[in-house]
Amino acid sequence: MKARVYVMLKSGVLDPQGEAIRHALGTLGFDEVDGVRQGKVIDLDLADGTDPARIDEMCEKLLANTVIESYRVELL
């Protein structure tokens, strides 16, 4: 079983890395970019039959800082 976890900063939380990317894109001539939010993607290889609720537990305990980040799980 495979799962992909997308972790992003919650809206309203400042994203300095996203702002640096937006600025760099503008410097390279991509002036149409008004904003960038960056995050991370985590691919998990899990034992067959793993309860999907376990993935949420992993996210809540380690993979995402749920105070400032949200996450979404996609089973592959």
Protein backbone atom coordinates (compact mmCIF):
# COMPACT_ATOMS: atom_id res chain seq x y z
CA MET A 1 0.00 0.00 0.00
CA LYS A 2 1.27 3.47 -0.82
CA ALA A 3 0.17 6.84 0.47
CA ARG A 4 1.19 10.38 -0.39
CA VAL A 5 0.95 13.11 2.26
CA TYR A 6 0.83 16.77 1.21
CA VAL A 7 1.79 19.22 3.96
CA MET A 8 1.23 22.98 3.55
CA LEU A 9 1.33 25.97 5.84
CA LYS A 10 -2.16 27.08 6.84
CA SER A 11 -3.48 30.22 5.19
CA GLY A 12 -2.59 33.25 7.23
CA VAL A 13 0.76 31.77 8.32
CA LEU A 14 3.70 33.66 6.82
CA ASP A 15 5.66 31.62 4.27
CA PRO A 16 9.15 33.14 3.94
CA GLN A 17 10.35 30.37 1.61
CA GLY A 18 7.35 30.91 -0.64
CA GLU A 19 8.05 34.64 -0.68
CA ALA A 20 11.70 34.01 -1.58
CA ILE A 21 10.58 31.80 -4.48
CA ARG A 22 8.11 34.44 -5.66
CA HIS A 23 10.83 37.10 -5.53
CA ALA A 24 13.30 34.90 -7.43
CA LEU A 25 10.72 34.15 -10.11
CA GLY A 26 10.11 37.89 -10.51
CA THR A 27 13.85 38.47 -10.85
CA LEU A 28 13.90 35.87 -13.63
CA GLY A 29 11.16 37.73 -15.49
CA PHE A 30 8.12 35.78 -14.30
CA ASP A 31 6.27 38.91 -13.19
CA GLU A 32 2.85 37.27 -13.49
CA VAL A 33 3.43 35.30 -10.25
CA ASP A 34 1.61 37.15 -7.46
CA GLY A 35 2.20 34.64 -4.67
CA VAL A 36 3.79 31.31 -3.82
CA ARG A 37 3.03 28.87 -1.02
CA GLN A 38 5.49 26.02 -0.71
CA GLY A 39 5.09 22.77 1.14
CA LYS A 40 6.30 19.22 1.20
CA VAL A 41 5.25 15.87 -0.21
CA ILE A 42 5.94 12.67 1.71
CA ASP A 43 5.53 9.26 0.05
CA LEU A 44 4.93 6.34 2.40
CA ASP A 45 5.30 2.65 1.57
CA LEU A 46 3.04 0.85 4.02
CA ALA A 47 2.26 -2.76 4.80
CA ASP A 48 -0.77 -4.11 2.95
CA GLY A 49 -3.91 -3.72 4.99
CA THR A 50 -2.64 -0.73 6.98
CA ASP A 51 -5.57 1.15 8.49
CA PRO A 52 -5.72 4.60 6.83
CA ALA A 53 -6.36 6.10 10.29
CA ARG A 54 -2.75 5.18 11.12
CA ILE A 55 -1.59 7.61 8.46
CA ASP A 56 -3.52 10.40 10.18
CA GLU A 57 -1.82 9.42 13.44
CA MET A 58 1.58 9.69 11.73
CA CYS A 59 0.71 13.13 10.42
CA GLU A 60 -0.60 14.36 13.76
CA LYS A 61 2.42 13.06 15.71
CA LEU A 62 5.33 13.72 13.34
CA LEU A 63 4.78 14.59 9.70
CA ALA A 64 2.86 17.87 10.14
CA ASN A 65 2.95 20.58 12.75
CA THR A 66 -0.83 20.89 12.95
CA VAL A 67 -0.63 24.24 14.75
CA ILE A 68 0.64 25.94 11.59
CA GLU A 69 0.33 23.27 8.88
CA SER A 70 -2.50 21.37 7.26
CA TYR A 71 -2.13 18.04 5.50
CA ARG A 72 -3.95 15.92 2.97
CA VAL A 73 -3.52 12.18 2.44
CA GLU A 74 -3.86 10.49 -0.93
CA LEU A 75 -3.90 6.69 -1.11
CA LEU A 76 -2.10 5.50 -4.21
